[in-house]
N, C-alpha and C. Protein backbone atom coordinates (compact mmCIF):
# COMPACT_ATOMS: atom_id res chain seq x y z
N MET A 1 -7.72 -1.07 19.06
CA MET A 1 -8.12 -1.22 17.66
C MET A 1 -8.46 0.15 17.07
N MET A 2 -7.91 0.41 15.90
CA MET A 2 -8.14 1.66 15.18
C MET A 2 -9.01 1.40 13.96
N THR A 3 -9.75 2.41 13.58
CA THR A 3 -10.50 2.36 12.32
C THR A 3 -9.67 3.06 11.24
N LYS A 4 -10.09 2.89 9.98
CA LYS A 4 -9.41 3.58 8.88
C LYS A 4 -9.40 5.09 9.13
N ARG A 5 -10.53 5.63 9.53
CA ARG A 5 -10.64 7.08 9.72
C ARG A 5 -9.75 7.58 10.86
N GLU A 6 -9.69 6.81 11.93
CA GLU A 6 -8.81 7.20 13.04
C GLU A 6 -7.35 7.18 12.59
N LEU A 7 -6.98 6.17 11.83
CA LEU A 7 -5.61 6.07 11.36
C LEU A 7 -5.27 7.20 10.39
N VAL A 8 -6.18 7.52 9.49
CA VAL A 8 -5.96 8.62 8.56
C VAL A 8 -5.76 9.93 9.32
N ALA A 9 -6.55 10.15 10.36
CA ALA A 9 -6.39 11.37 11.18
C ALA A 9 -5.01 11.41 11.83
N LEU A 10 -4.50 10.26 12.23
CA LEU A 10 -3.18 10.17 12.86
C LEU A 10 -2.06 10.43 11.85
N LEU A 11 -2.19 9.90 10.63
CA LEU A 11 -1.13 9.99 9.63
C LEU A 11 -1.15 11.28 8.82
N ASN A 12 -2.31 11.89 8.68
CA ASN A 12 -2.46 13.05 7.81
C ASN A 12 -1.53 14.18 8.22
N GLY A 13 -0.72 14.65 7.27
CA GLY A 13 0.18 15.76 7.51
C GLY A 13 1.56 15.37 8.00
N ARG A 14 1.81 14.08 8.15
CA ARG A 14 3.15 13.64 8.57
C ARG A 14 4.14 13.95 7.47
N GLU A 15 5.40 14.06 7.87
CA GLU A 15 6.47 14.36 6.94
C GLU A 15 7.01 13.08 6.29
N TYR A 16 7.43 13.24 5.05
CA TYR A 16 8.09 12.18 4.30
C TYR A 16 9.26 11.65 5.12
N ARG A 17 9.40 10.35 5.16
CA ARG A 17 10.39 9.59 5.92
C ARG A 17 10.05 9.46 7.41
N SER A 18 8.92 10.02 7.81
CA SER A 18 8.43 9.84 9.19
C SER A 18 6.96 9.44 9.15
N GLU A 19 6.60 8.66 8.14
CA GLU A 19 5.20 8.32 7.90
C GLU A 19 4.62 7.42 8.98
N VAL A 20 5.31 6.32 9.28
CA VAL A 20 4.80 5.31 10.20
C VAL A 20 5.91 4.92 11.18
N SER A 21 5.68 5.19 12.46
CA SER A 21 6.67 4.81 13.48
C SER A 21 6.53 3.32 13.81
N ALA A 22 7.50 2.79 14.51
CA ALA A 22 7.45 1.37 14.92
C ALA A 22 6.22 1.11 15.79
N GLU A 23 5.91 2.04 16.68
CA GLU A 23 4.73 1.90 17.55
C GLU A 23 3.45 1.95 16.72
N ASP A 24 3.40 2.88 15.76
CA ASP A 24 2.25 2.96 14.85
C ASP A 24 2.06 1.64 14.12
N ASP A 25 3.17 1.11 13.59
CA ASP A 25 3.10 -0.12 12.80
C ASP A 25 2.49 -1.26 13.61
N LYS A 26 2.87 -1.36 14.86
CA LYS A 26 2.33 -2.41 15.74
C LYS A 26 0.82 -2.23 15.92
N ASN A 27 0.38 -1.00 16.16
CA ASN A 27 -1.05 -0.73 16.34
C ASN A 27 -1.84 -0.93 15.05
N ILE A 28 -1.23 -0.53 13.94
CA ILE A 28 -1.88 -0.68 12.63
C ILE A 28 -2.07 -2.17 12.33
N ARG A 29 -1.02 -2.95 12.54
CA ARG A 29 -1.07 -4.40 12.28
C ARG A 29 -2.15 -5.05 13.13
N SER A 30 -2.20 -4.73 14.42
CA SER A 30 -3.18 -5.36 15.30
C SER A 30 -4.61 -4.93 14.97
N SER A 31 -4.76 -3.82 14.26
CA SER A 31 -6.09 -3.36 13.85
C SER A 31 -6.51 -3.94 12.50
N GLY A 32 -5.61 -4.68 11.85
CA GLY A 32 -5.94 -5.28 10.55
C GLY A 32 -5.98 -4.27 9.42
N LEU A 33 -5.21 -3.19 9.56
CA LEU A 33 -5.20 -2.14 8.55
C LEU A 33 -3.90 -2.19 7.75
N ILE A 34 -3.95 -1.62 6.55
CA ILE A 34 -2.78 -1.54 5.67
C ILE A 34 -2.62 -0.08 5.26
N VAL A 35 -1.43 0.46 5.46
CA VAL A 35 -1.10 1.81 5.01
C VAL A 35 -0.25 1.67 3.75
N ILE A 36 -0.63 2.39 2.71
CA ILE A 36 0.09 2.33 1.43
C ILE A 36 0.48 3.75 1.06
N PHE A 37 1.78 3.93 0.78
CA PHE A 37 2.27 5.27 0.44
C PHE A 37 3.51 5.15 -0.45
N GLY A 38 3.82 6.24 -1.14
CA GLY A 38 4.99 6.27 -2.00
C GLY A 38 6.20 6.75 -1.23
N ALA A 39 7.36 6.27 -1.66
CA ALA A 39 8.62 6.69 -1.06
C ALA A 39 9.62 6.93 -2.18
N SER A 40 10.46 7.93 -2.01
CA SER A 40 11.44 8.28 -3.02
C SER A 40 10.70 8.49 -4.34
N ASP A 41 11.36 8.19 -5.45
CA ASP A 41 10.70 8.31 -6.74
C ASP A 41 10.46 6.94 -7.38
N ASP A 42 10.69 5.88 -6.58
CA ASP A 42 10.61 4.56 -7.20
C ASP A 42 10.10 3.45 -6.29
N LEU A 43 9.47 3.79 -5.17
CA LEU A 43 9.01 2.75 -4.25
C LEU A 43 7.59 3.00 -3.77
N VAL A 44 6.88 1.90 -3.55
CA VAL A 44 5.60 1.92 -2.84
C VAL A 44 5.80 1.10 -1.58
N GLU A 45 5.42 1.66 -0.46
CA GLU A 45 5.55 1.01 0.84
C GLU A 45 4.19 0.55 1.33
N LEU A 46 4.13 -0.64 1.91
CA LEU A 46 2.93 -1.15 2.57
C LEU A 46 3.33 -1.45 4.00
N ARG A 47 2.57 -0.95 4.97
CA ARG A 47 2.85 -1.15 6.39
C ARG A 47 1.58 -1.59 7.11
N GLY A 48 1.79 -2.34 8.16
CA GLY A 48 0.67 -2.81 8.98
C GLY A 48 0.40 -4.27 8.75
N ALA A 49 -0.85 -4.62 8.44
CA ALA A 49 -1.23 -6.02 8.26
C ALA A 49 -0.50 -6.67 7.08
N ILE A 50 -0.08 -5.87 6.12
CA ILE A 50 0.81 -6.32 5.04
C ILE A 50 2.03 -5.41 5.12
N ASN A 51 3.20 -6.01 5.17
CA ASN A 51 4.44 -5.25 5.25
C ASN A 51 5.30 -5.64 4.05
N ASP A 52 5.41 -4.71 3.08
CA ASP A 52 6.12 -5.03 1.85
C ASP A 52 6.60 -3.73 1.20
N GLU A 53 7.39 -3.90 0.16
CA GLU A 53 7.92 -2.78 -0.61
C GLU A 53 7.90 -3.21 -2.07
N ILE A 54 7.45 -2.29 -2.95
CA ILE A 54 7.30 -2.61 -4.36
C ILE A 54 8.07 -1.58 -5.19
N GLY A 55 8.89 -2.05 -6.11
CA GLY A 55 9.54 -1.15 -7.05
C GLY A 55 8.50 -0.52 -7.95
N ALA A 56 8.56 0.82 -8.10
CA ALA A 56 7.49 1.48 -8.83
C ALA A 56 7.99 2.70 -9.60
N TYR A 57 9.16 2.63 -10.19
CA TYR A 57 9.68 3.77 -10.94
C TYR A 57 8.68 4.18 -12.02
N ASN A 58 8.29 5.45 -12.03
CA ASN A 58 7.29 6.00 -12.95
C ASN A 58 5.90 5.41 -12.74
N GLY A 59 5.64 4.80 -11.59
CA GLY A 59 4.34 4.24 -11.28
C GLY A 59 4.25 2.76 -11.62
N THR A 60 3.23 2.11 -11.08
CA THR A 60 3.02 0.69 -11.32
C THR A 60 1.61 0.31 -10.89
N THR A 61 1.20 -0.87 -11.27
CA THR A 61 -0.03 -1.46 -10.75
C THR A 61 0.35 -2.79 -10.12
N PHE A 62 -0.14 -3.02 -8.92
CA PHE A 62 0.11 -4.27 -8.22
C PHE A 62 -1.21 -4.77 -7.65
N LYS A 63 -1.24 -6.03 -7.23
CA LYS A 63 -2.47 -6.61 -6.68
C LYS A 63 -2.20 -7.13 -5.28
N ILE A 64 -3.21 -7.00 -4.42
CA ILE A 64 -3.10 -7.53 -3.07
C ILE A 64 -4.33 -8.37 -2.73
N ASP A 65 -4.13 -9.27 -1.80
CA ASP A 65 -5.21 -10.06 -1.21
C ASP A 65 -4.89 -10.20 0.27
N ARG A 66 -5.63 -11.04 0.96
CA ARG A 66 -5.41 -11.20 2.40
C ARG A 66 -4.06 -11.82 2.75
N LYS A 67 -3.40 -12.44 1.77
CA LYS A 67 -2.08 -13.00 2.01
C LYS A 67 -0.96 -11.99 1.79
N GLY A 68 -1.26 -10.89 1.12
CA GLY A 68 -0.25 -9.86 0.85
C GLY A 68 -0.24 -9.46 -0.60
N VAL A 69 0.93 -9.01 -1.05
CA VAL A 69 1.10 -8.59 -2.44
C VAL A 69 1.21 -9.85 -3.31
N LEU A 70 0.42 -9.90 -4.37
CA LEU A 70 0.50 -11.02 -5.31
C LEU A 70 1.81 -10.92 -6.07
N PRO A 71 2.62 -11.98 -6.05
CA PRO A 71 3.87 -11.92 -6.81
C PRO A 71 3.58 -11.90 -8.31
N SER A 72 4.55 -11.47 -9.07
CA SER A 72 4.40 -11.55 -10.53
C SER A 72 4.41 -13.03 -10.93
N PHE A 73 3.94 -13.29 -12.13
CA PHE A 73 3.96 -14.67 -12.62
C PHE A 73 5.39 -15.20 -12.67
N GLU A 74 6.32 -14.34 -13.08
CA GLU A 74 7.73 -14.75 -13.16
C GLU A 74 8.25 -15.15 -11.78
N GLN A 75 7.89 -14.38 -10.75
CA GLN A 75 8.32 -14.72 -9.39
C GLN A 75 7.71 -16.05 -8.95
N ALA A 76 6.46 -16.27 -9.31
CA ALA A 76 5.79 -17.53 -8.95
C ALA A 76 6.49 -18.72 -9.61
N VAL A 77 6.84 -18.57 -10.88
CA VAL A 77 7.52 -19.63 -11.61
C VAL A 77 8.86 -19.96 -10.95
N GLU A 78 9.58 -18.93 -10.49
CA GLU A 78 10.86 -19.15 -9.82
C GLU A 78 10.71 -20.00 -8.57
N GLN A 79 9.52 -19.99 -7.96
CA GLN A 79 9.28 -20.77 -6.74
C GLN A 79 8.82 -22.19 -7.05
N GLY A 80 8.73 -22.52 -8.31
CA GLY A 80 8.38 -23.88 -8.70
C GLY A 80 6.89 -24.15 -8.67
N GLU A 81 6.56 -25.42 -8.61
CA GLU A 81 5.16 -25.85 -8.68
C GLU A 81 4.30 -25.23 -7.57
N ASP A 82 4.81 -25.24 -6.34
CA ASP A 82 4.05 -24.65 -5.22
C ASP A 82 3.79 -23.17 -5.44
N GLY A 83 4.79 -22.45 -5.94
CA GLY A 83 4.63 -21.02 -6.22
C GLY A 83 3.59 -20.77 -7.28
N CYS A 84 3.57 -21.60 -8.31
CA CYS A 84 2.59 -21.46 -9.39
C CYS A 84 1.18 -21.78 -8.90
N GLU A 85 1.04 -22.85 -8.11
CA GLU A 85 -0.28 -23.19 -7.57
C GLU A 85 -0.82 -22.06 -6.71
N ASP A 86 0.03 -21.51 -5.83
CA ASP A 86 -0.38 -20.41 -4.97
C ASP A 86 -0.78 -19.20 -5.81
N TYR A 87 -0.01 -18.88 -6.82
CA TYR A 87 -0.29 -17.75 -7.70
C TYR A 87 -1.67 -17.89 -8.34
N PHE A 88 -1.94 -19.06 -8.93
CA PHE A 88 -3.21 -19.24 -9.62
C PHE A 88 -4.39 -19.35 -8.66
N ASP A 89 -4.16 -19.78 -7.42
CA ASP A 89 -5.22 -19.78 -6.41
C ASP A 89 -5.57 -18.35 -6.00
N ARG A 90 -4.56 -17.50 -5.88
CA ARG A 90 -4.75 -16.13 -5.39
C ARG A 90 -5.17 -15.14 -6.47
N LYS A 91 -4.70 -15.33 -7.68
CA LYS A 91 -4.89 -14.35 -8.75
C LYS A 91 -6.35 -13.89 -8.96
N PRO A 92 -7.33 -14.80 -8.97
CA PRO A 92 -8.71 -14.35 -9.21
C PRO A 92 -9.26 -13.44 -8.11
N HIS A 93 -8.69 -13.51 -6.92
CA HIS A 93 -9.22 -12.74 -5.79
C HIS A 93 -8.40 -11.49 -5.47
N ALA A 94 -7.18 -11.41 -6.00
CA ALA A 94 -6.33 -10.26 -5.72
C ALA A 94 -6.90 -9.03 -6.42
N GLN A 95 -6.84 -7.90 -5.71
CA GLN A 95 -7.44 -6.67 -6.20
C GLN A 95 -6.35 -5.65 -6.55
N PRO A 96 -6.51 -4.96 -7.68
CA PRO A 96 -5.45 -4.05 -8.14
C PRO A 96 -5.44 -2.71 -7.42
N ILE A 97 -4.23 -2.19 -7.31
CA ILE A 97 -3.99 -0.83 -6.82
C ILE A 97 -3.02 -0.20 -7.81
N GLU A 98 -3.38 0.96 -8.32
CA GLU A 98 -2.51 1.67 -9.24
C GLU A 98 -1.76 2.76 -8.47
N ALA A 99 -0.44 2.71 -8.51
CA ALA A 99 0.42 3.73 -7.92
C ALA A 99 0.80 4.69 -9.05
N ILE A 100 0.42 5.94 -8.90
CA ILE A 100 0.60 6.93 -9.96
C ILE A 100 1.67 7.93 -9.55
N TRP A 101 2.69 8.04 -10.37
CA TRP A 101 3.77 9.00 -10.13
C TRP A 101 3.43 10.30 -10.85
N SER A 102 3.41 11.38 -10.10
CA SER A 102 3.26 12.73 -10.64
C SER A 102 2.05 12.87 -11.56
N ASP A 103 0.87 12.85 -10.93
CA ASP A 103 -0.37 12.87 -11.72
C ASP A 103 -0.88 14.27 -12.05
N GLY A 104 -0.14 15.30 -11.67
CA GLY A 104 -0.56 16.66 -11.99
C GLY A 104 -1.43 17.31 -10.93
N GLU A 105 -1.75 16.59 -9.85
CA GLU A 105 -2.56 17.16 -8.77
C GLU A 105 -1.69 17.80 -7.69
N GLY A 106 -0.40 17.87 -7.94
CA GLY A 106 0.50 18.47 -6.97
C GLY A 106 1.18 17.47 -6.06
N TYR A 107 0.80 16.21 -6.13
CA TYR A 107 1.44 15.16 -5.35
C TYR A 107 2.41 14.39 -6.23
N CYS A 108 3.51 13.92 -5.66
CA CYS A 108 4.41 13.03 -6.40
C CYS A 108 3.75 11.65 -6.55
N TRP A 109 3.06 11.18 -5.50
CA TRP A 109 2.43 9.86 -5.51
C TRP A 109 0.95 9.98 -5.17
N THR A 110 0.12 9.29 -5.93
CA THR A 110 -1.30 9.08 -5.60
C THR A 110 -1.63 7.63 -5.93
N PHE A 111 -2.79 7.16 -5.44
CA PHE A 111 -3.19 5.77 -5.63
C PHE A 111 -4.65 5.69 -6.05
N LYS A 112 -4.94 4.74 -6.95
CA LYS A 112 -6.31 4.49 -7.39
C LYS A 112 -6.61 3.01 -7.18
N THR A 113 -7.79 2.74 -6.62
CA THR A 113 -8.24 1.37 -6.42
C THR A 113 -9.74 1.36 -6.18
N ASP A 114 -10.37 0.23 -6.46
CA ASP A 114 -11.79 0.06 -6.14
C ASP A 114 -11.97 -0.50 -4.73
N ILE A 115 -10.89 -0.86 -4.08
CA ILE A 115 -10.96 -1.35 -2.70
C ILE A 115 -11.38 -0.18 -1.82
N PRO A 116 -12.38 -0.35 -0.94
CA PRO A 116 -12.73 0.75 -0.03
C PRO A 116 -11.49 1.21 0.74
N HIS A 117 -11.29 2.52 0.79
CA HIS A 117 -10.09 3.06 1.43
C HIS A 117 -10.35 4.47 1.93
N ALA A 118 -9.43 4.95 2.73
CA ALA A 118 -9.43 6.35 3.18
C ALA A 118 -8.09 6.93 2.79
N GLU A 119 -8.06 8.24 2.53
CA GLU A 119 -6.84 8.90 2.04
C GLU A 119 -6.25 9.83 3.09
N PHE A 120 -4.94 10.00 3.00
CA PHE A 120 -4.23 10.94 3.86
C PHE A 120 -3.09 11.57 3.07
N SER A 121 -2.57 12.69 3.55
CA SER A 121 -1.49 13.40 2.87
C SER A 121 -0.19 13.30 3.65
N ILE A 122 0.88 13.03 2.91
CA ILE A 122 2.23 13.09 3.45
C ILE A 122 2.88 14.32 2.84
N LEU A 123 3.59 15.06 3.66
CA LEU A 123 4.23 16.29 3.21
C LEU A 123 5.74 16.12 3.17
N GLU A 124 6.38 16.92 2.34
CA GLU A 124 7.84 17.00 2.34
C GLU A 124 8.18 18.47 2.49
N GLU A 125 8.75 18.81 3.64
CA GLU A 125 9.06 20.20 3.98
C GLU A 125 7.84 21.08 3.83
N GLY A 126 6.68 20.58 4.26
CA GLY A 126 5.44 21.33 4.25
C GLY A 126 4.69 21.32 2.93
N GLU A 127 5.26 20.74 1.89
CA GLU A 127 4.62 20.68 0.58
C GLU A 127 4.06 19.28 0.34
N LYS A 128 3.03 19.19 -0.53
CA LYS A 128 2.44 17.89 -0.86
C LYS A 128 3.50 16.95 -1.42
N PHE A 129 3.52 15.72 -0.91
CA PHE A 129 4.41 14.70 -1.47
C PHE A 129 3.61 13.48 -1.92
N CYS A 130 2.75 12.95 -1.05
CA CYS A 130 2.04 11.72 -1.36
C CYS A 130 0.63 11.76 -0.78
N ARG A 131 -0.33 11.31 -1.58
CA ARG A 131 -1.68 11.08 -1.06
C ARG A 131 -1.79 9.57 -0.90
N GLY A 132 -1.53 9.11 0.32
CA GLY A 132 -1.55 7.68 0.62
C GLY A 132 -2.95 7.18 0.92
N ILE A 133 -3.05 5.86 1.08
CA ILE A 133 -4.35 5.26 1.38
C ILE A 133 -4.23 4.26 2.53
N VAL A 134 -5.36 4.06 3.20
CA VAL A 134 -5.48 3.06 4.25
C VAL A 134 -6.60 2.11 3.86
N ILE A 135 -6.30 0.81 3.93
CA ILE A 135 -7.26 -0.24 3.58
C ILE A 135 -7.42 -1.15 4.79
N ASP A 136 -8.63 -1.63 4.99
CA ASP A 136 -8.92 -2.61 6.05
C ASP A 136 -8.88 -4.01 5.43
N MET A 137 -8.20 -4.92 6.10
CA MET A 137 -8.10 -6.30 5.58
C MET A 137 -9.46 -6.93 5.33
N VAL A 138 -10.47 -6.57 6.10
CA VAL A 138 -11.79 -7.17 5.91
C VAL A 138 -12.39 -6.82 4.55
N ASP A 139 -11.87 -5.76 3.92
CA ASP A 139 -12.38 -5.35 2.61
C ASP A 139 -11.68 -6.06 1.46
N LEU A 140 -10.69 -6.91 1.78
CA LEU A 140 -10.00 -7.67 0.75
C LEU A 140 -10.66 -9.03 0.56
N LYS A 141 -10.63 -9.53 -0.66
CA LYS A 141 -11.22 -10.83 -0.96
C LYS A 141 -10.30 -11.94 -0.52
């Protein structure tokens, strides 16, 4: 079992496209942690206890809970009555995360959230690329 701080120490300074190995992902998942980072210029990646990918061209805000990423209302409607019920059950408890593209701090990607988290840096050819975050599932509603 890893803590957020231990995981951040492991990930800090990794190169873009080598952020999380398959072995890391297994250990992260079993520790109940979620790693969130930007990829390319249009994606947010979630690895570990939640494994997902979100389109985020020019940044986006998404919500997560213990079940994962909250789908959009449109996605819920496409799933019919069950999808809508699940959406409205989860929505009040899902917590927002803002993915910011090119915020002027020298990173292509940064993240803002009120969820307790720890931060780490991903580099691209030794230069700042992403300031990712690690969240513990126990801190989600």
